[in-house]
Amino acid sequence: MASEKILNQKKEEVSKLAEQMKEAKLILLTDYRGINVTDDTTLRRDLRSAGAKYNIIKNNITKRALAECGIEGLEEKLEGPTAVVMSTEDYLEPSKIIYKFSKDNEYYKIKGGVIDGKVMTAEEIVTLAKLPSRETLLSMLAGALLGNISKIAVALDQVRIQKEEAGEKVTVSVPAEEPAVVEESATTEAENTEEA
């Protein structure tokens, strides 16, 4: 039977991990079989640069920490060697890193995880990881907007050219600003009354 000291140490480990999980936007469970030291070091470095942590934690500790957080549905995923990836900053970039790594390493697999408090299957996480990054989506949106603006500019220029060819005078009117209405304050009215 385990000593009281060891039991307290494990309880402390569970509590610490549960606190980290409560703050995390992303918790990924991965099967790390077949990964060599060089690949492991590269993966950890890439995840660290994305603001994520990569730890090998005993399945029993992870199960208890998930239960303490009220997260259910991942118990069956905690079989065999399991690495835990967590991020408090972003969930998309670390998911992309793990997905890319799993594509390049045959035995490395995503088991499942939690994103913003929602339990997700490996398939859902892979689908999310395949999405373009936020920067890519913003640049695509900017390109689409600029394309539409340039089309409008060309169309307006064509209208101007047609009107000039027809002999019509082309004027651009800018709506006049309405004059600002200045209201006298109550103190000014009181001063005017005193002067009279």
Protein backbone atom coordinates (compact mmCIF):
# COMPACT_ATOMS: atom_id res chain seq x y z
CA MET A 1 0.00 0.00 0.00
CA ALA A 2 1.23 3.48 -0.90
CA SER A 3 2.42 5.64 1.92
CA GLU A 4 0.51 8.74 2.99
CA LYS A 5 3.36 10.92 1.71
CA ILE A 6 3.08 9.44 -1.81
CA LEU A 7 -0.73 9.76 -1.77
CA ASN A 8 -0.49 13.42 -0.75
CA GLN A 9 2.12 13.99 -3.46
CA LYS A 10 -0.23 12.49 -6.08
CA LYS A 11 -3.18 14.55 -4.81
CA GLU A 12 -1.06 17.68 -5.13
CA GLU A 13 -0.06 16.66 -8.67
CA VAL A 14 -3.73 16.15 -9.61
CA SER A 15 -4.76 19.51 -8.10
CA LYS A 16 -1.94 21.36 -9.89
CA LEU A 17 -2.80 19.74 -13.23
CA ALA A 18 -6.53 20.44 -12.72
CA GLU A 19 -5.78 24.14 -12.13
CA GLN A 20 -3.77 24.28 -15.35
CA MET A 21 -6.59 22.52 -17.22
CA LYS A 22 -9.19 24.99 -15.91
CA GLU A 23 -7.18 27.90 -17.35
CA ALA A 24 -6.37 26.15 -20.65
CA LYS A 25 -8.08 27.01 -23.94
CA LEU A 26 -6.68 23.78 -25.38
CA ILE A 27 -6.05 20.35 -23.89
CA LEU A 28 -4.86 17.75 -26.41
CA LEU A 29 -4.24 14.09 -25.68
CA THR A 30 -1.80 12.44 -28.07
CA ASP A 31 -0.25 9.00 -28.50
CA TYR A 32 3.50 9.62 -28.68
CA ARG A 33 4.66 6.11 -29.60
CA GLY A 34 7.40 5.93 -32.20
CA ILE A 35 8.73 9.45 -31.62
CA ASN A 36 12.52 9.81 -31.34
CA VAL A 37 14.39 12.31 -29.16
CA THR A 38 15.19 14.68 -32.04
CA ASP A 39 11.57 14.87 -33.20
CA ASP A 40 10.37 15.21 -29.61
CA THR A 41 12.73 18.14 -29.03
CA THR A 42 11.59 19.84 -32.25
CA LEU A 43 7.93 19.33 -31.39
CA ARG A 44 8.38 20.75 -27.89
CA ARG A 45 10.22 23.79 -29.28
CA ASP A 46 7.51 24.45 -31.90
CA LEU A 47 4.76 24.14 -29.28
CA ARG A 48 6.63 26.40 -26.86
CA SER A 49 6.91 29.09 -29.56
CA ALA A 50 3.10 28.83 -29.99
CA GLY A 51 2.57 29.29 -26.24
CA ALA A 52 1.75 25.64 -25.51
CA LYS A 53 3.19 23.12 -23.05
CA TYR A 54 3.89 19.47 -23.85
CA ASN A 55 4.08 17.02 -20.95
CA ILE A 56 4.12 13.28 -20.44
CA ILE A 57 1.74 12.68 -17.51
CA LYS A 58 0.55 9.38 -16.06
CA ASN A 59 -2.91 8.48 -17.36
CA ASN A 60 -4.26 8.01 -13.83
CA ILE A 61 -3.21 11.57 -12.84
CA THR A 62 -4.70 13.00 -16.06
CA LYS A 63 -8.00 11.10 -15.51
CA ARG A 64 -8.34 12.44 -11.98
CA ALA A 65 -7.46 16.00 -13.03
CA LEU A 66 -10.05 15.89 -15.85
CA ALA A 67 -12.65 14.56 -13.37
CA GLU A 68 -11.77 17.35 -10.92
CA CYS A 69 -12.40 19.87 -13.74
CA GLY A 70 -15.74 18.21 -14.56
CA ILE A 71 -14.54 17.15 -18.03
CA GLU A 72 -16.07 13.84 -19.13
CA GLY A 73 -15.76 11.73 -22.26
CA LEU A 74 -11.99 11.33 -22.56
CA GLU A 75 -11.51 8.48 -20.09
CA GLU A 76 -11.26 5.79 -22.80
CA LYS A 77 -8.62 7.90 -24.62
CA LEU A 78 -6.28 7.57 -21.66
CA GLU A 79 -4.95 4.14 -22.58
CA GLY A 80 -1.34 3.54 -23.50
CA PRO A 81 1.34 6.24 -23.69
CA THR A 82 -0.30 9.68 -23.57
CA ALA A 83 1.21 13.14 -23.92
CA VAL A 84 -0.80 16.17 -22.82
CA VAL A 85 -0.56 19.43 -24.77
CA MET A 86 -2.03 22.52 -23.12
CA SER A 87 -2.28 26.17 -24.10
CA THR A 88 -3.83 29.09 -22.26
CA GLU A 89 -3.28 31.51 -25.18
CA ASP A 90 -4.47 29.91 -28.41
CA TYR A 91 -5.94 26.62 -29.51
CA LEU A 92 -5.55 26.86 -33.28
CA GLU A 93 -1.78 27.17 -33.70
CA PRO A 94 -0.84 24.31 -31.31
CA SER A 95 -3.52 22.12 -32.97
CA LYS A 96 -1.96 22.87 -36.37
CA ILE A 97 1.52 22.00 -35.07
CA ILE A 98 0.34 18.66 -33.61
CA TYR A 99 -1.67 17.84 -36.76
CA LYS A 100 1.30 18.56 -39.06
CA PHE A 101 3.56 16.51 -36.79
CA SER A 102 1.13 13.57 -36.81
CA LYS A 103 1.04 13.67 -40.63
CA ASP A 104 4.83 13.47 -40.77
CA ASN A 105 5.10 10.77 -38.06
CA GLU A 106 3.10 7.63 -38.76
CA TYR A 107 2.66 6.46 -35.16
CA TYR A 108 2.02 9.82 -33.53
CA LYS A 109 -1.75 10.23 -33.17
CA ILE A 110 -4.22 12.74 -31.78
CA LYS A 111 -6.53 10.91 -29.35
CA GLY A 112 -8.94 13.73 -28.51
CA GLY A 113 -9.07 16.84 -26.43
CA VAL A 114 -10.85 19.86 -25.06
CA ILE A 115 -11.15 23.22 -26.81
CA ASP A 116 -12.61 26.13 -24.84
CA GLY A 117 -14.25 23.70 -22.42
CA LYS A 118 -15.83 21.50 -25.13
CA VAL A 119 -14.72 17.87 -25.45
CA MET A 120 -13.69 17.17 -29.05
CA THR A 121 -12.91 14.00 -30.97
CA ALA A 122 -9.65 13.55 -32.87
CA GLU A 123 -11.55 14.07 -36.15
CA GLU A 124 -13.01 17.39 -34.97
CA ILE A 125 -9.58 18.61 -33.87
CA VAL A 126 -8.04 17.61 -37.22
CA THR A 127 -10.84 19.45 -39.07
CA LEU A 128 -10.14 22.56 -37.00
CA ALA A 129 -6.38 22.24 -37.54
CA LYS A 130 -6.90 22.19 -41.32
CA LEU A 131 -8.52 25.64 -41.26
CA PRO A 132 -6.41 28.58 -42.46
CA SER A 133 -4.78 30.66 -39.75
CA ARG A 134 -6.38 33.89 -38.53
CA GLU A 135 -3.80 35.97 -40.44
CA THR A 136 -4.50 34.06 -43.66
CA LEU A 137 -8.27 34.56 -43.26
CA LEU A 138 -7.80 38.29 -42.60
CA SER A 139 -5.59 38.71 -45.65
CA MET A 140 -8.13 36.80 -47.78
CA LEU A 141 -10.87 39.13 -46.51
CA ALA A 142 -8.74 42.23 -47.19
CA GLY A 143 -8.00 40.97 -50.71
CA ALA A 144 -11.69 40.38 -51.40
CA LEU A 145 -12.61 43.86 -50.12
CA LEU A 146 -9.87 45.55 -52.15
CA GLY A 147 -10.96 43.64 -55.25
CA ASN A 148 -14.53 44.90 -54.86
CA ILE A 149 -13.39 48.48 -54.23
CA SER A 150 -11.23 48.47 -57.35
CA LYS A 151 -14.16 47.09 -59.40
CA ILE A 152 -16.36 49.96 -58.17
CA ALA A 153 -13.63 52.50 -59.01
CA VAL A 154 -13.31 51.12 -62.56
CA ALA A 155 -17.09 51.13 -63.02
CA LEU A 156 -17.38 54.75 -61.84
CA ASP A 157 -14.53 55.78 -64.12
CA GLN A 158 -16.30 54.14 -67.07
CA VAL A 159 -19.50 56.05 -66.27
CA ARG A 160 -17.49 59.31 -66.18
CA ILE A 161 -15.88 58.56 -69.55
CA GLN A 162 -19.26 57.74 -71.15
CA LYS A 163 -20.80 60.97 -69.86
CA GLU A 164 -17.85 63.05 -71.08
CA GLU A 165 -18.11 61.46 -74.53
CA ALA A 166 -21.83 62.26 -74.60
CA GLY A 167 -21.00 65.90 -73.91
CA GLU A 168 -22.48 65.98 -70.46
CA LYS A 169 -20.73 67.95 -67.80
CA VAL A 170 -19.56 65.68 -65.01
CA THR A 171 -19.70 67.16 -61.55
CA VAL A 172 -19.05 65.59 -58.26
CA SER A 173 -21.22 66.91 -55.49
CA VAL A 174 -20.32 66.65 -51.90
CA PRO A 175 -23.18 67.05 -49.44
CA ALA A 176 -22.86 70.26 -47.44
CA GLU A 177 -22.42 69.90 -43.73
CA GLU A 178 -25.33 70.99 -41.67
CA PRO A 179 -24.56 74.00 -39.47
CA ALA A 180 -23.89 73.09 -35.91
CA VAL A 181 -26.64 74.08 -33.52
CA VAL A 182 -25.31 75.83 -30.46
CA GLU A 183 -27.53 75.75 -27.45
CA GLU A 184 -27.09 78.31 -24.73
CA SER A 185 -26.51 76.86 -21.33
CA ALA A 186 -28.78 77.58 -18.37
CA THR A 187 -26.09 79.73 -16.74
CA THR A 188 -25.83 81.96 -19.84
CA GLU A 189 -29.59 82.52 -19.82
CA ALA A 190 -29.44 83.42 -16.12
CA GLU A 191 -26.65 85.94 -16.80
CA ASN A 192 -28.67 87.52 -19.63
CA THR A 193 -31.68 87.88 -17.29
CA GLU A 194 -29.55 89.60 -14.63
CA GLU A 195 -28.15 92.11 -17.16
CA ALA A 196 -31.70 93.10 -18.26
